[in-house]
Amino acid sequence: MKISVEISYYPLRQEYRQPISEFLTRLSQHPSLEVEYGKMSSFIFGDYGVIMPLLEAEMGKTLRVIPKSVFVIKLSGGCH
């Protein structure tokens, strides 16, 4: 099933740009996903079975390094 994900990541620290960039770079390296970047959120398009485990893994990595972080996620089926 194809889905769209709108995701915003807010590292709660003074230097916030680098962690956001690193997180999005890791997501965009997956060959079967399409990632679009915005100023306040980014969009990921692809298969549910690929996106969800990838988000779980990448958000887990991020939260282990920067525990004071906020992710805001919206999922939508077939909106791309």
PDB file of N, CA and C in Angstrom:
ATOM      1  N   MET A   1       0.844  -1.170   0.000  1.00  0.00           N
ATOM      2  CA  MET A   1       0.000   0.000   0.000  1.00  0.00           C
ATOM      3  C   MET A   1       0.896   1.242   0.000  1.00  0.00           C
ATOM      4  N   LYS A   2       0.631   2.151  -0.914  1.00  0.00           N
ATOM      5  CA  LYS A   2       1.395   3.398  -1.006  1.00  0.00           C
ATOM      6  C   LYS A   2       0.871   4.396   0.023  1.00  0.00           C
ATOM      7  N   ILE A   3       1.805   5.086   0.683  1.00  0.00           N
ATOM      8  CA  ILE A   3       1.425   6.109   1.653  1.00  0.00           C
ATOM      9  C   ILE A   3       2.264   7.362   1.457  1.00  0.00           C
ATOM     10  N   SER A   4       1.779   8.435   2.056  1.00  0.00           N
ATOM     11  CA  SER A   4       2.503   9.696   2.159  1.00  0.00           C
ATOM     12  C   SER A   4       2.710   9.969   3.638  1.00  0.00           C
ATOM     13  N   VAL A   5       3.883  10.428   3.981  1.00  0.00           N
ATOM     14  CA  VAL A   5       4.183  10.789   5.365  1.00  0.00           C
ATOM     15  C   VAL A   5       4.681  12.221   5.375  1.00  0.00           C
ATOM     16  N   GLU A   6       4.062  13.036   6.208  1.00  0.00           N
ATOM     17  CA  GLU A   6       4.587  14.377   6.472  1.00  0.00           C
ATOM     18  C   GLU A   6       5.261  14.288   7.830  1.00  0.00           C
ATOM     19  N   ILE A   7       6.529  14.655   7.884  1.00  0.00           N
ATOM     20  CA  ILE A   7       7.275  14.527   9.133  1.00  0.00           C
ATOM     21  C   ILE A   7       8.042  15.811   9.434  1.00  0.00           C
ATOM     22  N   SER A   8       7.977  16.209  10.684  1.00  0.00           N
ATOM     23  CA  SER A   8       8.756  17.338  11.190  1.00  0.00           C
ATOM     24  C   SER A   8       9.586  16.826  12.353  1.00  0.00           C
ATOM     25  N   TYR A   9      10.828  17.246  12.406  1.00  0.00           N
ATOM     26  CA  TYR A   9      11.725  16.832  13.478  1.00  0.00           C
ATOM     27  C   TYR A   9      12.286  18.078  14.144  1.00  0.00           C
ATOM     28  N   TYR A  10      12.147  18.129  15.462  1.00  0.00           N
ATOM     29  CA  TYR A  10      12.614  19.269  16.242  1.00  0.00           C
ATOM     30  C   TYR A  10      13.562  18.784  17.343  1.00  0.00           C
ATOM     31  N   PRO A  11      14.873  18.837  17.119  1.00  0.00           N
ATOM     32  CA  PRO A  11      15.804  18.538  18.201  1.00  0.00           C
ATOM     33  C   PRO A  11      15.780  19.719  19.179  1.00  0.00           C
ATOM     34  N   LEU A  12      15.530  19.435  20.418  1.00  0.00           N
ATOM     35  CA  LEU A  12      15.399  20.502  21.416  1.00  0.00           C
ATOM     36  C   LEU A  12      16.769  20.861  21.984  1.00  0.00           C
ATOM     37  N   ARG A  13      17.527  21.540  21.133  1.00  0.00           N
ATOM     38  CA  ARG A  13      18.862  21.988  21.522  1.00  0.00           C
ATOM     39  C   ARG A  13      19.254  23.171  20.661  1.00  0.00           C
ATOM     40  N   GLN A  14      20.278  23.867  21.094  1.00  0.00           N
ATOM     41  CA  GLN A  14      20.734  25.079  20.413  1.00  0.00           C
ATOM     42  C   GLN A  14      21.113  24.808  18.959  1.00  0.00           C
ATOM     43  N   GLU A  15      21.946  23.796  18.729  1.00  0.00           N
ATOM     44  CA  GLU A  15      22.387  23.429  17.377  1.00  0.00           C
ATOM     45  C   GLU A  15      21.408  22.393  16.825  1.00  0.00           C
ATOM     46  N   TYR A  16      20.458  22.837  16.036  1.00  0.00           N
ATOM     47  CA  TYR A  16      19.386  21.950  15.575  1.00  0.00           C
ATOM     48  C   TYR A  16      19.487  21.569  14.097  1.00  0.00           C
ATOM     49  N   ARG A  17      20.189  22.317  13.308  1.00  0.00           N
ATOM     50  CA  ARG A  17      20.202  22.063  11.857  1.00  0.00           C
ATOM     51  C   ARG A  17      20.913  20.769  11.475  1.00  0.00           C
ATOM     52  N   GLN A  18      22.045  20.509  12.065  1.00  0.00           N
ATOM     53  CA  GLN A  18      22.813  19.316  11.704  1.00  0.00           C
ATOM     54  C   GLN A  18      22.038  18.025  11.988  1.00  0.00           C
ATOM     55  N   PRO A  19      21.420  17.848  13.170  1.00  0.00           N
ATOM     56  CA  PRO A  19      20.666  16.610  13.395  1.00  0.00           C
ATOM     57  C   PRO A  19      19.497  16.428  12.412  1.00  0.00           C
ATOM     58  N   ILE A  20      18.841  17.512  12.046  1.00  0.00           N
ATOM     59  CA  ILE A  20      17.751  17.427  11.083  1.00  0.00           C
ATOM     60  C   ILE A  20      18.295  16.979   9.731  1.00  0.00           C
ATOM     61  N   SER A  21      19.371  17.594   9.304  1.00  0.00           N
ATOM     62  CA  SER A  21      19.988  17.246   8.025  1.00  0.00           C
ATOM     63  C   SER A  21      20.435  15.786   8.002  1.00  0.00           C
ATOM     64  N   GLU A  22      21.052  15.332   9.073  1.00  0.00           N
ATOM     65  CA  GLU A  22      21.514  13.943   9.143  1.00  0.00           C
ATOM     66  C   GLU A  22      20.341  12.968   9.092  1.00  0.00           C
ATOM     67  N   PHE A  23      19.273  13.264   9.807  1.00  0.00           N
ATOM     68  CA  PHE A  23      18.083  12.408   9.810  1.00  0.00           C
ATOM     69  C   PHE A  23      17.493  12.315   8.407  1.00  0.00           C
ATOM     70  N   LEU A  24      17.314  13.450   7.752  1.00  0.00           N
ATOM     71  CA  LEU A  24      16.724  13.451   6.406  1.00  0.00           C
ATOM     72  C   LEU A  24      17.646  12.789   5.379  1.00  0.00           C
ATOM     73  N   THR A  25      18.937  12.946   5.537  1.00  0.00           N
ATOM     74  CA  THR A  25      19.886  12.301   4.626  1.00  0.00           C
ATOM     75  C   THR A  25      19.764  10.783   4.726  1.00  0.00           C
ATOM     76  N   ARG A  26      19.656  10.274   5.942  1.00  0.00           N
ATOM     77  CA  ARG A  26      19.510   8.821   6.110  1.00  0.00           C
ATOM     78  C   ARG A  26      18.224   8.323   5.458  1.00  0.00           C
ATOM     79  N   LEU A  27      17.137   9.060   5.616  1.00  0.00           N
ATOM     80  CA  LEU A  27      15.873   8.645   4.995  1.00  0.00           C
ATOM     81  C   LEU A  27      15.966   8.682   3.477  1.00  0.00           C
ATOM     82  N   SER A  28      16.570   9.723   2.943  1.00  0.00           N
ATOM     83  CA  SER A  28      16.607   9.903   1.493  1.00  0.00           C
ATOM     84  C   SER A  28      17.513   8.903   0.793  1.00  0.00           C
ATOM     85  N   GLN A  29      18.378   8.216   1.522  1.00  0.00           N
ATOM     86  CA  GLN A  29      19.280   7.241   0.908  1.00  0.00           C
ATOM     87  C   GLN A  29      18.578   5.944   0.536  1.00  0.00           C
ATOM     88  N   HIS A  30      17.354   5.756   1.004  1.00  0.00           N
ATOM     89  CA  HIS A  30      16.641   4.521   0.665  1.00  0.00           C
ATOM     90  C   HIS A  30      16.156   4.615  -0.781  1.00  0.00           C
ATOM     91  N   PRO A  31      16.535   3.662  -1.628  1.00  0.00           N
ATOM     92  CA  PRO A  31      16.267   3.787  -3.065  1.00  0.00           C
ATOM     93  C   PRO A  31      14.797   3.744  -3.475  1.00  0.00           C
ATOM     94  N   SER A  32      13.936   3.153  -2.673  1.00  0.00           N
ATOM     95  CA  SER A  32      12.538   3.038  -3.109  1.00  0.00           C
ATOM     96  C   SER A  32      11.639   4.148  -2.563  1.00  0.00           C
ATOM     97  N   LEU A  33      12.224   5.127  -1.889  1.00  0.00           N
ATOM     98  CA  LEU A  33      11.429   6.224  -1.335  1.00  0.00           C
ATOM     99  C   LEU A  33      11.685   7.515  -2.092  1.00  0.00           C
ATOM    100  N   GLU A  34      10.664   8.345  -2.106  1.00  0.00           N
ATOM    101  CA  GLU A  34      10.794   9.699  -2.635  1.00  0.00           C
ATOM    102  C   GLU A  34      10.676  10.644  -1.450  1.00  0.00           C
ATOM    103  N   VAL A  35      11.624  11.555  -1.312  1.00  0.00           N
ATOM    104  CA  VAL A  35      11.623  12.504  -0.197  1.00  0.00           C
ATOM    105  C   VAL A  35      11.615  13.911  -0.775  1.00  0.00           C
ATOM    106  N   GLU A  36      10.684  14.722  -0.277  1.00  0.00           N
ATOM    107  CA  GLU A  36      10.613  16.138  -0.646  1.00  0.00           C
ATOM    108  C   GLU A  36      10.845  16.952   0.618  1.00  0.00           C
ATOM    109  N   TYR A  37      11.644  17.992   0.496  1.00  0.00           N
ATOM    110  CA  TYR A  37      12.022  18.804   1.652  1.00  0.00           C
ATOM    111  C   TYR A  37      11.248  20.111   1.667  1.00  0.00           C
ATOM    112  N   GLY A  38      10.789  20.492   2.859  1.00  0.00           N
ATOM    113  CA  GLY A  38      10.129  21.770   3.050  1.00  0.00           C
ATOM    114  C   GLY A  38      10.810  22.531   4.170  1.00  0.00           C
ATOM    115  N   LYS A  39      10.335  23.721   4.431  1.00  0.00           N
ATOM    116  CA  LYS A  39      10.945  24.544   5.482  1.00  0.00           C
ATOM    117  C   LYS A  39      10.596  24.053   6.889  1.00  0.00           C
ATOM    118  N   MET A  40       9.368  23.592   7.088  1.00  0.00           N
ATOM    119  CA  MET A  40       8.934  23.147   8.414  1.00  0.00           C
ATOM    120  C   MET A  40       8.707  21.641   8.510  1.00  0.00           C
ATOM    121  N   SER A  41       8.551  20.981   7.379  1.00  0.00           N
ATOM    122  CA  SER A  41       8.357  19.539   7.377  1.00  0.00           C
ATOM    123  C   SER A  41       8.810  18.978   6.042  1.00  0.00           C
ATOM    124  N   SER A  42       8.980  17.672   6.029  1.00  0.00           N
ATOM    125  CA  SER A  42       9.369  16.978   4.809  1.00  0.00           C
ATOM    126  C   SER A  42       8.325  15.923   4.506  1.00  0.00           C
ATOM    127  N   PHE A  43       8.318  15.460   3.264  1.00  0.00           N
ATOM    128  CA  PHE A  43       7.331  14.479   2.828  1.00  0.00           C
ATOM    129  C   PHE A  43       8.054  13.254   2.294  1.00  0.00           C
ATOM    130  N   ILE A  44       7.557  12.093   2.683  1.00  0.00           N
ATOM    131  CA  ILE A  44       8.110  10.825   2.241  1.00  0.00           C
ATOM    132  C   ILE A  44       6.994  10.067   1.540  1.00  0.00           C
ATOM    133  N   PHE A  45       7.301   9.542   0.368  1.00  0.00           N
ATOM    134  CA  PHE A  45       6.324   8.792  -0.407  1.00  0.00           C
ATOM    135  C   PHE A  45       6.893   7.415  -0.697  1.00  0.00           C
ATOM    136  N   GLY A  46       6.057   6.396  -0.510  1.00  0.00           N
ATOM    137  CA  GLY A  46       6.515   5.041  -0.796  1.00  0.00           C
ATOM    138  C   GLY A  46       5.577   4.013  -0.225  1.00  0.00           C
ATOM    139  N   ASP A  47       6.081   2.804  -0.092  1.00  0.00           N
ATOM    140  CA  ASP A  47       5.285   1.685   0.388  1.00  0.00           C
ATOM    141  C   ASP A  47       5.258   1.653   1.920  1.00  0.00           C
ATOM    142  N   TYR A  48       4.081   1.421   2.461  1.00  0.00           N
ATOM    143  CA  TYR A  48       3.893   1.370   3.912  1.00  0.00           C
ATOM    144  C   TYR A  48       4.878   0.401   4.570  1.00  0.00           C
ATOM    145  N   GLY A  49       5.030  -0.785   3.977  1.00  0.00           N
ATOM    146  CA  GLY A  49       5.905  -1.813   4.535  1.00  0.00           C
ATOM    147  C   GLY A  49       7.370  -1.439   4.536  1.00  0.00           C
ATOM    148  N   VAL A  50       7.745  -0.471   3.741  1.00  0.00           N
ATOM    149  CA  VAL A  50       9.130   0.017   3.708  1.00  0.00           C
ATOM    150  C   VAL A  50       9.283   1.213   4.642  1.00  0.00           C
ATOM    151  N   ILE A  51       8.344   2.133   4.561  1.00  0.00           N
ATOM    152  CA  ILE A  51       8.456   3.383   5.319  1.00  0.00           C
ATOM    153  C   ILE A  51       8.380   3.170   6.828  1.00  0.00           C
ATOM    154  N   MET A  52       7.424   2.408   7.289  1.00  0.00           N
ATOM    155  CA  MET A  52       7.221   2.298   8.736  1.00  0.00           C
ATOM    156  C   MET A  52       8.418   1.684   9.472  1.00  0.00           C
ATOM    157  N   PRO A  53       8.978   0.561   9.014  1.00  0.00           N
ATOM    158  CA  PRO A  53      10.169   0.045   9.707  1.00  0.00           C
ATOM    159  C   PRO A  53      11.365   0.998   9.612  1.00  0.00           C
ATOM    160  N   LEU A  54      11.489   1.683   8.478  1.00  0.00           N
ATOM    161  CA  LEU A  54      12.575   2.640   8.309  1.00  0.00           C
ATOM    162  C   LEU A  54      12.424   3.803   9.291  1.00  0.00           C
ATOM    163  N   LEU A  55      11.210   4.342   9.413  1.00  0.00           N
ATOM    164  CA  LEU A  55      10.980   5.429  10.375  1.00  0.00           C
ATOM    165  C   LEU A  55      11.261   4.964  11.799  1.00  0.00           C
ATOM    166  N   GLU A  56      10.812   3.762  12.131  1.00  0.00           N
ATOM    167  CA  GLU A  56      11.050   3.234  13.476  1.00  0.00           C
ATOM    168  C   GLU A  56      12.552   3.153  13.760  1.00  0.00           C
ATOM    169  N   ALA A  57      13.308   2.635  12.818  1.00  0.00           N
ATOM    170  CA  ALA A  57      14.754   2.491  13.012  1.00  0.00           C
ATOM    171  C   ALA A  57      15.449   3.846  13.089  1.00  0.00           C
ATOM    172  N   GLU A  58      15.141   4.740  12.156  1.00  0.00           N
ATOM    173  CA  GLU A  58      15.839   6.026  12.103  1.00  0.00           C
ATOM    174  C   GLU A  58      15.451   6.946  13.253  1.00  0.00           C
ATOM    175  N   MET A  59      14.183   6.946  13.641  1.00  0.00           N
ATOM    176  CA  MET A  59      13.791   7.757  14.798  1.00  0.00           C
ATOM    177  C   MET A  59      14.414   7.191  16.064  1.00  0.00           C
ATOM    178  N   GLY A  60      14.514   5.863  16.169  1.00  0.00           N
ATOM    179  CA  GLY A  60      15.168   5.247  17.320  1.00  0.00           C
ATOM    180  C   GLY A  60      16.623   5.658  17.429  1.00  0.00           C
ATOM    181  N   LYS A  61      17.353   5.620  16.295  1.00  0.00           N
ATOM    182  CA  LYS A  61      18.756   6.066  16.287  1.00  0.00           C
ATOM    183  C   LYS A  61      18.863   7.510  16.752  1.00  0.00           C
ATOM    184  N   THR A  62      17.980   8.342  16.231  1.00  0.00           N
ATOM    185  CA  THR A  62      18.009   9.769  16.556  1.00  0.00           C
ATOM    186  C   THR A  62      17.713  10.006  18.029  1.00  0.00           C
ATOM    187  N   LEU A  63      16.722   9.326  18.567  1.00  0.00           N
ATOM    188  CA  LEU A  63      16.351   9.529  19.969  1.00  0.00           C
ATOM    189  C   LEU A  63      17.404   8.992  20.936  1.00  0.00           C
ATOM    190  N   ARG A  64      18.171   8.006  20.520  1.00  0.00           N
ATOM    191  CA  ARG A  64      19.262   7.524  21.375  1.00  0.00           C
ATOM    192  C   ARG A  64      20.372   8.574  21.476  1.00  0.00           C
ATOM    193  N   VAL A  65      20.601   9.310  20.397  1.00  0.00           N
ATOM    194  CA  VAL A  65      21.654  10.330  20.388  1.00  0.00           C
ATOM    195  C   VAL A  65      21.156  11.643  20.983  1.00  0.00           C
ATOM    196  N   ILE A  66      19.944  12.039  20.630  1.00  0.00           N
ATOM    197  CA  ILE A  66      19.363  13.298  21.110  1.00  0.00           C
ATOM    198  C   ILE A  66      17.991  12.982  21.717  1.00  0.00           C
ATOM    199  N   PRO A  67      17.954  12.539  22.977  1.00  0.00           N
ATOM    200  CA  PRO A  67      16.695  12.127  23.582  1.00  0.00           C
ATOM    201  C   PRO A  67      15.649  13.249  23.681  1.00  0.00           C
ATOM    202  N   LYS A  68      16.113  14.472  23.794  1.00  0.00           N
ATOM    203  CA  LYS A  68      15.176  15.598  23.861  1.00  0.00           C
ATOM    204  C   LYS A  68      14.870  16.050  22.441  1.00  0.00           C
ATOM    205  N   SER A  69      13.997  15.302  21.790  1.00  0.00           N
ATOM    206  CA  SER A  69      13.602  15.561  20.414  1.00  0.00           C
ATOM    207  C   SER A  69      12.101  15.381  20.280  1.00  0.00           C
ATOM    208  N   VAL A  70      11.535  16.068  19.313  1.00  0.00           N
ATOM    209  CA  VAL A  70      10.106  15.937  19.024  1.00  0.00           C
ATOM    210  C   VAL A  70       9.956  15.585  17.553  1.00  0.00           C
ATOM    211  N   PHE A  71       9.146  14.561  17.276  1.00  0.00           N
ATOM    212  CA  PHE A  71       8.756  14.210  15.913  1.00  0.00           C
ATOM    213  C   PHE A  71       7.257  14.428  15.787  1.00  0.00           C
ATOM    214  N   VAL A  72       6.840  15.064  14.711  1.00  0.00           N
ATOM    215  CA  VAL A  72       5.419  15.234  14.393  1.00  0.00           C
ATOM    216  C   VAL A  72       5.212  14.527  13.061  1.00  0.00           C
ATOM    217  N   ILE A  73       4.291  13.548  13.048  1.00  0.00           N
ATOM    218  CA  ILE A  73       4.121  12.716  11.853  1.00  0.00           C
ATOM    219  C   ILE A  73       2.651  12.626  11.481  1.00  0.00           C
ATOM    220  N   LYS A  74       2.391  12.783  10.180  1.00  0.00           N
ATOM    221  CA  LYS A  74       1.056  12.565   9.612  1.00  0.00           C
ATOM    222  C   LYS A  74       1.188  11.514   8.532  1.00  0.00           C
ATOM    223  N   LEU A  75       0.314  10.512   8.567  1.00  0.00           N
ATOM    224  CA  LEU A  75       0.302   9.449   7.569  1.00  0.00           C
ATOM    225  C   LEU A  75      -0.966   9.548   6.747  1.00  0.00           C
ATOM    226  N   SER A  76      -0.829   9.304   5.460  1.00  0.00           N
ATOM    227  CA  SER A  76      -1.977   9.350   4.580  1.00  0.00           C
ATOM    228  C   SER A  76      -1.836   8.275   3.507  1.00  0.00           C
ATOM    229  N   GLY A  77      -2.894   7.561   3.256  1.00  0.00           N
ATOM    230  CA  GLY A  77      -2.877   6.534   2.216  1.00  0.00           C
ATOM    231  C   GLY A  77      -3.204   7.125   0.863  1.00  0.00           C
ATOM    232  N   GLY A  78      -2.372   6.869  -0.110  1.00  0.00           N
ATOM    233  CA  GLY A  78      -2.646   7.216  -1.500  1.00  0.00           C
ATOM    234  C   GLY A  78      -2.790   8.672  -1.835  1.00  0.00           C
ATOM    235  N   CYS A  79      -2.038   9.559  -1.207  1.00  0.00           N
ATOM    236  CA  CYS A  79      -2.163  10.992  -1.484  1.00  0.00           C
ATOM    237  C   CYS A  79      -1.017  11.532  -2.321  1.00  0.00           C
ATOM    238  N   HIS A  80      -0.413  10.705  -3.134  1.00  0.00           N
ATOM    239  CA  HIS A  80       0.677  11.221  -3.965  1.00  0.00           C
ATOM    240  C   HIS A  80       0.450  10.835  -5.403  1.00  0.00           C
TER     241      HIS A  80
END
